Protein backbone atom coordinates (compact mmCIF):
# COMPACT_ATOMS: atom_id res chain seq x y z
CA UNK A 1 50.95 104.97 105.18
CA UNK A 2 50.41 106.26 101.63
CA UNK A 3 51.42 109.75 102.78
CA UNK A 4 54.63 108.30 104.23
CA UNK A 5 55.35 106.59 100.90
CA UNK A 6 54.78 109.87 99.04
CA UNK A 7 57.11 111.73 101.40
CA UNK A 8 59.81 109.11 100.81
CA UNK A 9 59.43 109.38 97.06
CA UNK A 10 59.46 113.17 97.16
CA UNK A 11 62.60 113.14 99.27
CA UNK A 12 64.24 110.67 96.90
CA UNK A 13 63.44 112.89 93.92
CA UNK A 14 64.86 115.92 95.70
CA UNK A 15 68.07 114.10 96.64
CA UNK A 16 68.68 112.01 93.55
CA UNK A 17 67.38 114.19 90.72
CA UNK A 18 68.10 117.62 92.10
CA UNK A 19 71.04 118.34 89.84
CA UNK A 20 74.54 119.39 90.69
CA UNK A 21 75.84 119.15 87.11
CA UNK A 22 76.91 122.34 85.35
CA UNK A 23 74.05 123.98 83.54
CA UNK A 24 74.22 124.10 79.76
CA UNK A 25 76.02 127.19 78.56
CA UNK A 26 77.44 128.00 81.99
CA UNK A 27 81.07 129.09 82.08
CA UNK A 28 83.16 126.29 83.59
CA UNK A 29 85.04 127.02 86.80
CA UNK A 30 88.44 126.60 85.16
CA UNK A 31 87.86 129.36 82.60
CA UNK A 32 90.80 131.72 82.71
CA UNK A 33 92.59 129.70 85.40
CA UNK A 34 96.35 130.45 85.25
CA UNK A 35 99.23 128.07 85.67
CA UNK A 36 100.93 128.03 89.05
CA UNK A 37 103.06 131.09 89.81
CA UNK A 38 106.22 129.03 89.58
CA UNK A 39 105.25 127.60 86.20
CA UNK A 40 104.28 131.01 84.86
CA UNK A 41 107.58 132.45 86.08
CA UNK A 42 109.51 129.65 84.43
CA UNK A 43 107.80 130.42 81.14
CA UNK A 44 108.37 134.15 81.48
CA UNK A 45 112.09 133.68 82.07
CA UNK A 46 112.57 132.08 78.65
CA UNK A 47 110.56 134.18 76.16
CA UNK A 48 113.09 133.66 73.36
CA UNK A 49 112.53 129.89 73.33
CA UNK A 50 108.80 129.08 73.63
CA UNK A 51 109.43 125.33 73.40
CA UNK A 52 111.86 125.45 76.31
CA UNK A 53 109.42 127.61 78.23
CA UNK A 54 106.67 125.06 77.70
CA UNK A 55 108.96 122.25 78.85
CA UNK A 56 109.85 124.24 81.96
CA UNK A 57 106.20 124.99 82.71
CA UNK A 58 105.25 121.33 82.31
CA UNK A 59 108.15 120.23 84.53
CA UNK A 60 107.21 122.66 87.29
CA UNK A 61 103.56 121.66 87.05
CA UNK A 62 104.58 117.99 87.30
CA UNK A 63 106.41 118.78 90.52
CA UNK A 64 103.36 120.67 91.79
CA UNK A 65 101.20 117.67 90.89
CA UNK A 66 103.39 115.21 92.78
CA UNK A 67 103.34 117.59 95.75
CA UNK A 68 99.53 117.64 95.62
CA UNK A 69 99.56 113.84 95.94
CA UNK A 70 102.00 114.05 98.85
CA UNK A 71 99.62 116.29 100.82
CA UNK A 72 96.39 114.65 99.60
CA UNK A 73 93.97 112.27 101.29
CA UNK A 74 95.13 109.37 99.18
CA UNK A 75 96.50 106.26 100.94
CA UNK A 76 99.69 106.74 102.94
CA UNK A 77 101.68 104.51 100.57
CA UNK A 78 101.12 106.97 97.71
CA UNK A 79 101.73 110.04 99.84
CA UNK A 80 105.03 108.78 101.27
CA UNK A 81 106.21 107.67 97.83
CA UNK A 82 105.41 111.12 96.42
CA UNK A 83 107.39 112.81 99.20
CA UNK A 84 110.38 110.59 98.45
CA UNK A 85 110.30 111.67 94.80
CA UNK A 86 110.09 115.33 95.77
CA UNK A 87 113.06 115.01 98.13
CA UNK A 88 115.28 113.32 95.56
CA UNK A 89 118.46 115.20 94.63
CA UNK A 90 117.82 114.28 90.98
CA UNK A 91 115.09 116.89 90.66
CA UNK A 92 112.86 116.77 87.58
CA UNK A 93 114.39 113.46 86.49
CA UNK A 94 113.17 111.81 89.69
CA UNK A 95 109.71 113.31 89.24
CA UNK A 96 109.48 112.03 85.66
CA UNK A 97 110.61 108.54 86.71
CA UNK A 98 108.09 108.48 89.55
CA UNK A 99 105.20 109.23 87.19
CA UNK A 100 106.36 106.95 84.37
CA UNK A 101 104.78 103.50 83.88
CA UNK A 102 106.48 101.07 86.23
CA UNK A 103 107.86 103.91 88.34
CA UNK A 104 107.35 104.97 91.93
CA UNK A 105 103.64 105.66 91.60
CA UNK A 106 103.01 102.23 90.09
CA UNK A 107 105.04 100.54 92.81
CA UNK A 108 103.15 102.41 95.54
CA UNK A 109 99.83 101.37 93.96
CA UNK A 110 100.94 97.75 94.05
CA UNK A 111 101.67 98.09 97.75
CA UNK A 112 98.02 99.00 98.32
CA UNK A 113 97.18 95.39 97.49
CA UNK A 114 99.22 94.20 100.46
CA UNK A 115 96.93 92.71 103.10
CA UNK A 116 98.46 94.88 105.82
CA UNK A 117 97.63 98.05 103.90
CA UNK A 118 94.12 96.82 103.13
CA UNK A 119 93.48 95.88 106.75
CA UNK A 120 94.59 99.30 107.99
CA UNK A 121 92.42 101.00 105.38
CA UNK A 122 89.43 98.92 106.46
CA UNK A 123 89.92 99.81 110.12
CA UNK A 124 90.28 103.50 109.30
CA UNK A 125 87.10 103.41 107.22
CA UNK A 126 85.17 101.71 110.00
CA UNK A 127 86.25 104.37 112.50
CA UNK A 128 85.22 107.09 110.05
CA UNK A 129 81.78 105.66 109.29
CA UNK A 130 80.60 103.87 112.46
CA UNK A 131 79.60 106.30 115.19
CA UNK A 132 80.03 105.49 118.86
CA UNK A 133 76.32 106.19 119.35
CA UNK A 134 75.08 103.64 116.81
CA UNK A 135 77.93 101.11 116.76
CA UNK A 136 79.83 101.44 120.06
CA UNK A 137 81.30 97.93 120.04
CA UNK A 138 82.43 98.14 116.42
CA UNK A 139 83.87 101.60 116.86
CA UNK A 140 85.81 100.64 120.00
CA UNK A 141 87.16 97.44 118.43
CA UNK A 142 88.26 99.28 115.27
CA UNK A 143 90.04 102.00 117.25
CA UNK A 144 91.81 99.36 119.33
CA UNK A 145 92.91 97.51 116.20
CA UNK A 146 94.26 100.70 114.65
CA UNK A 147 96.41 101.31 117.71
CA UNK A 148 97.57 97.70 117.72
CA UNK A 149 99.74 95.54 115.49
CA UNK A 150 99.29 94.18 111.97
CA UNK A 151 98.06 90.96 113.57
CA UNK A 152 95.47 92.89 115.59
CA UNK A 153 94.13 94.55 112.47
CA UNK A 154 94.06 91.26 110.57
CA UNK A 155 92.10 89.66 113.40
CA UNK A 156 89.61 92.53 113.42
CA UNK A 157 89.03 92.21 109.68
CA UNK A 158 88.73 88.42 109.81
CA UNK A 159 86.42 87.99 112.78
CA UNK A 160 86.46 90.98 115.12
CA UNK A 161 84.31 93.25 112.98
CA UNK A 162 81.53 90.68 112.57
CA UNK A 163 81.62 89.83 116.26
CA UNK A 164 81.37 93.49 117.26
CA UNK A 165 78.56 94.01 114.76
CA UNK A 166 76.66 91.15 116.36
CA UNK A 167 77.07 92.67 119.83
CA UNK A 168 75.87 96.06 118.62
CA UNK A 169 72.85 94.57 116.89
CA UNK A 170 71.88 92.60 119.99
CA UNK A 171 72.20 95.73 122.12
CA UNK A 172 69.98 97.71 119.76
CA UNK A 173 67.35 94.99 119.72
CA UNK A 174 67.37 94.79 123.51
CA UNK A 175 67.01 98.56 123.89
CA UNK A 176 63.24 98.68 123.45
CA UNK A 177 63.01 102.28 124.62
CA UNK A 178 65.28 103.60 121.85
CA UNK A 179 64.45 101.10 119.13
CA UNK A 180 64.07 102.78 115.74
CA UNK A 181 60.94 101.82 113.83
CA UNK A 182 61.35 101.03 110.14
CA UNK A 183 58.28 101.88 108.08
CA UNK A 184 57.49 101.34 104.41
CA UNK A 185 58.66 104.84 103.53
CA UNK A 186 62.14 104.06 104.85
CA UNK A 187 62.37 100.96 102.69
CA UNK A 188 61.09 102.85 99.66
CA UNK A 189 63.81 105.44 100.09
CA UNK A 190 66.54 102.80 100.35
CA UNK A 191 65.11 101.19 97.20
CA UNK A 192 65.37 104.53 95.42
CA UNK A 193 69.01 104.85 96.49
CA UNK A 194 69.69 101.31 95.31
CA UNK A 195 68.67 102.35 91.81
CA UNK A 196 69.57 106.01 91.51
CA UNK A 197 72.28 107.05 93.99
CA UNK A 198 75.16 108.76 92.11
CA UNK A 199 77.74 106.57 93.83
CA UNK A 200 78.16 102.91 92.87
CA UNK A 201 79.11 101.78 96.37
CA UNK A 202 76.12 103.55 97.93
CA UNK A 203 73.92 101.65 95.49
CA UNK A 204 75.64 98.39 96.48
CA UNK A 205 75.12 99.09 100.19
CA UNK A 206 71.44 99.91 99.60
CA UNK A 207 70.96 96.76 97.53
CA UNK A 208 72.54 94.69 100.31
CA UNK A 209 70.12 96.17 102.83
CA UNK A 210 67.25 95.03 100.59
CA UNK A 211 68.62 91.59 99.72
CA UNK A 212 66.31 88.56 100.02
CA UNK A 213 65.95 87.65 103.66
CA UNK A 214 66.98 91.11 104.90
CA UNK A 215 65.13 92.43 107.94
CA UNK A 216 64.32 95.79 109.45
CA UNK A 217 67.65 95.56 111.26
CA UNK A 218 69.44 95.66 107.90
CA UNK A 219 67.57 98.82 106.92
CA UNK A 220 68.43 100.38 110.26
CA UNK A 221 72.09 99.52 109.80
CA UNK A 222 72.10 100.98 106.30
CA UNK A 223 71.02 104.32 107.74
CA UNK A 224 73.34 103.84 110.71
CA UNK A 225 76.58 103.13 108.83
CA UNK A 226 76.02 101.41 105.48
CA UNK A 227 75.12 104.62 103.68
CA UNK A 228 78.19 106.39 105.06
CA UNK A 229 80.40 103.41 104.24
CA UNK A 230 79.24 103.40 100.64
CA UNK A 231 79.89 107.13 100.41
CA UNK A 232 83.39 106.68 101.81
CA UNK A 233 84.18 103.93 99.32
CA UNK A 234 82.89 106.03 96.42
CA UNK A 235 85.14 108.91 97.45
CA UNK A 236 88.17 106.64 97.83
CA UNK A 237 87.54 105.09 94.42
CA UNK A 238 87.19 108.50 92.76
CA UNK A 239 90.44 109.77 94.24
CA UNK A 240 92.39 106.73 93.11
CA UNK A 241 90.77 106.79 89.68
CA UNK A 242 91.66 110.41 88.95
CA UNK A 243 95.19 110.09 90.37
CA UNK A 244 95.83 106.98 88.24
CA UNK A 245 94.61 108.71 85.10
CA UNK A 246 96.35 112.01 85.73
CA UNK A 247 99.70 110.43 86.60
CA UNK A 248 99.64 108.61 83.28
CA UNK A 249 98.67 111.77 81.42
CA UNK A 250 101.43 113.80 83.05
CA UNK A 251 104.06 111.19 82.20
CA UNK A 252 102.90 111.12 78.58
CA UNK A 253 102.89 114.93 78.39
CA UNK A 254 106.56 115.17 79.36
CA UNK A 255 107.51 112.68 76.66
CA UNK A 256 105.37 114.33 73.99
CA UNK A 257 106.76 117.80 74.71
CA UNK A 258 110.35 116.53 74.67
CA UNK A 259 109.70 114.83 71.33
CA UNK A 260 108.07 117.95 69.87
CA UNK A 261 110.86 120.25 71.08
CA UNK A 262 113.47 117.94 69.55
CA UNK A 263 111.55 117.80 66.26
CA UNK A 264 111.29 121.59 66.21
CA UNK A 265 115.03 121.92 66.83
CA UNK A 266 115.72 119.47 64.02
CA UNK A 267 114.08 121.82 61.52
CA UNK A 268 117.11 124.11 61.79
CA UNK A 269 119.56 123.17 59.07
CA UNK A 270 117.60 120.07 58.00
CA UNK A 271 118.44 118.74 54.55
CA UNK A 272 114.73 118.30 53.84
CA UNK A 273 113.24 121.32 55.60
CA UNK A 274 109.68 120.60 54.46
CA UNK A 275 109.75 117.08 55.86
CA UNK A 276 111.33 118.19 59.13
CA UNK A 277 108.78 120.96 59.49
CA UNK A 278 105.90 118.54 58.89
CA UNK A 279 107.28 116.20 61.55
CA UNK A 280 107.55 119.08 64.03
CA UNK A 281 104.00 120.19 63.27
CA UNK A 282 102.74 116.64 63.81
CA UNK A 283 104.65 116.38 67.09
CA UNK A 284 103.14 119.58 68.47
CA UNK A 285 99.71 118.50 67.23
CA UNK A 286 100.12 115.30 69.26
CA UNK A 287 100.79 117.45 72.33
CA UNK A 288 97.69 119.58 71.77
CA UNK A 289 95.50 116.53 71.13
CA UNK A 290 96.76 114.91 74.32
CA UNK A 291 96.11 118.09 76.29
CA UNK A 292 92.67 118.55 74.74
CA UNK A 293 91.68 115.00 75.64
CA UNK A 294 92.93 115.50 79.20
CA UNK A 295 90.96 118.73 79.54
CA UNK A 296 87.76 117.00 78.45
CA UNK A 297 88.39 114.19 80.91
CA UNK A 298 88.79 116.66 83.78
CA UNK A 299 85.64 118.52 82.77
CA UNK A 300 83.77 115.23 83.09
CA UNK A 301 85.36 114.61 86.50
CA UNK A 302 84.41 118.13 87.54
CA UNK A 303 80.78 117.46 86.70
CA UNK A 304 80.83 114.12 88.51
CA UNK A 305 82.31 115.70 91.64
CA UNK A 306 79.82 118.57 91.46
CA UNK A 307 76.93 116.11 91.29
CA UNK A 308 78.25 114.22 94.31
CA UNK A 309 78.80 117.42 96.29
CA UNK A 310 75.24 118.53 95.56
CA UNK A 311 73.88 115.09 96.43
CA UNK A 312 75.58 115.01 99.83
CA UNK A 313 74.59 118.60 100.52
CA UNK A 314 70.97 117.58 100.01
CA UNK A 315 71.42 114.51 102.21
CA UNK A 316 72.93 116.60 105.00
CA UNK A 317 70.09 119.11 104.73
CA UNK A 318 67.45 116.37 104.79
CA UNK A 319 69.08 114.72 107.81
CA UNK A 320 69.15 118.00 109.69
CA UNK A 321 65.49 118.72 108.98
CA UNK A 322 64.15 115.17 109.46
CA UNK A 323 62.40 114.06 112.63
CA UNK A 324 63.01 110.44 111.63
CA UNK A 325 65.52 108.91 114.04
CA UNK A 326 66.98 106.73 111.30
CA UNK A 327 68.45 109.84 109.65
CA UNK A 328 70.28 110.97 112.76
CA UNK A 329 73.52 109.14 111.99
CA UNK A 330 73.96 110.24 108.37
CA UNK A 331 74.03 114.01 108.96
CA UNK A 332 77.69 114.45 109.96
CA UNK A 333 79.08 111.99 107.38
CA UNK A 334 77.00 113.69 104.70
CA UNK A 335 78.42 117.11 105.58
CA UNK A 336 81.95 115.70 105.52
CA UNK A 337 81.31 114.08 102.14
CA UNK A 338 79.88 117.29 100.74
CA UNK A 339 83.03 119.16 101.77
CA UNK A 340 85.29 116.47 100.33
CA UNK A 341 83.48 116.35 97.01
CA UNK A 342 83.53 120.14 96.77
CA UNK A 343 87.31 119.96 97.21
CA UNK A 344 87.51 117.35 94.47
CA UNK A 345 85.41 119.57 92.23
CA UNK A 346 87.79 122.48 92.78
CA UNK A 347 90.78 120.24 92.11
CA UNK A 348 89.23 119.02 88.87
CA UNK A 349 88.63 122.62 87.80
CA UNK A 350 92.27 123.51 88.45
CA UNK A 351 93.47 120.48 86.49
CA UNK A 352 91.17 121.31 83.59
CA UNK A 353 92.64 124.82 83.62
CA UNK A 354 96.18 123.46 83.41
CA UNK A 355 95.37 121.25 80.45
CA UNK A 356 93.52 124.07 78.71
CA UNK A 357 96.67 126.16 78.98
CA UNK A 358 98.82 123.29 77.67
CA UNK A 359 96.42 122.81 74.76
CA UNK A 360 96.56 126.46 73.74
CA UNK A 361 100.34 126.70 74.07
CA UNK A 362 100.89 123.53 72.04
CA UNK A 363 98.66 124.93 69.30
CA UNK A 364 100.68 128.15 69.34
CA UNK A 365 103.89 126.13 69.00
CA UNK A 366 102.42 124.25 66.04
CA UNK A 367 101.47 127.55 64.40
CA UNK A 368 104.99 128.95 64.89
CA UNK A 369 106.49 125.90 63.19
CA UNK A 370 104.18 126.38 60.22
CA UNK A 371 105.45 129.96 59.99
């Protein structure tokens, strides 16, 4: 038994403390990353007016950003709303309004609180995390609810899920031949996840499996679908968090650049040239500070996504190599999560690259105003 405990602890150390964060001194992935071709072209077409070129680049990048939401894995309400903004005949004005506080993005986020949207999201998550092998009744009921009406999905969330869970648990308990044994090492590993897993929702799921009064069946179900469910919720939360933050940053950038360009234009023929120049310098400094802060935020998100990708890669590897039947159900979800987090890491790197470029160009504009 002591050897089993040691194996569990060693595995936990490998999975939870193995790294995944950028090494000190390593060149970040966004280093040298260019703006999109369209944005670069827009800037190149207006070399005589750097401020206008920067405005054009930011506008094109805003459109690219909204398009990235439209084709993302965010909730359908956000994706459809983004497509509507892109299809508007009002062009950049519609994009700016969509990103602005109280605009289309905000309205779409509010719709996510609607019970119908939440019920659909719950059903979709259940289908994605409950395999037909481990939870056949739950999986079948969730798929049926998804194909049904709003009332069907509401009924599944209210009572159907719990009822199907009960049927699956009874079936597993009755299947003596395939019953999975839970040993101390399995509990020790769940306890390690409850304290040290990189995702908050995975920690919550692990803590629930170890709650007072929990049984071996709860541990089995954590491995069977709780772990995957926590991972899915962590990914969903990350995607919404970064899209919320970035939409706000993009809206602020457009306003700051417009203000700086106007202040720079006002220098021409100003009665008090020194004052006007100082105001223009301050306006461009506000742009660079905003961009610098955004870049730092994305570097932090890049590290967080890298850590999650590495974590799920290790989980997938451990599941593939383990002879423990409890690990059988986490392998495929872990691989899917590793891929998704790697995509988020790449997206964070690209966003950090954009803000790095904005930071440098705003500083150049400030220097030109100083003369």
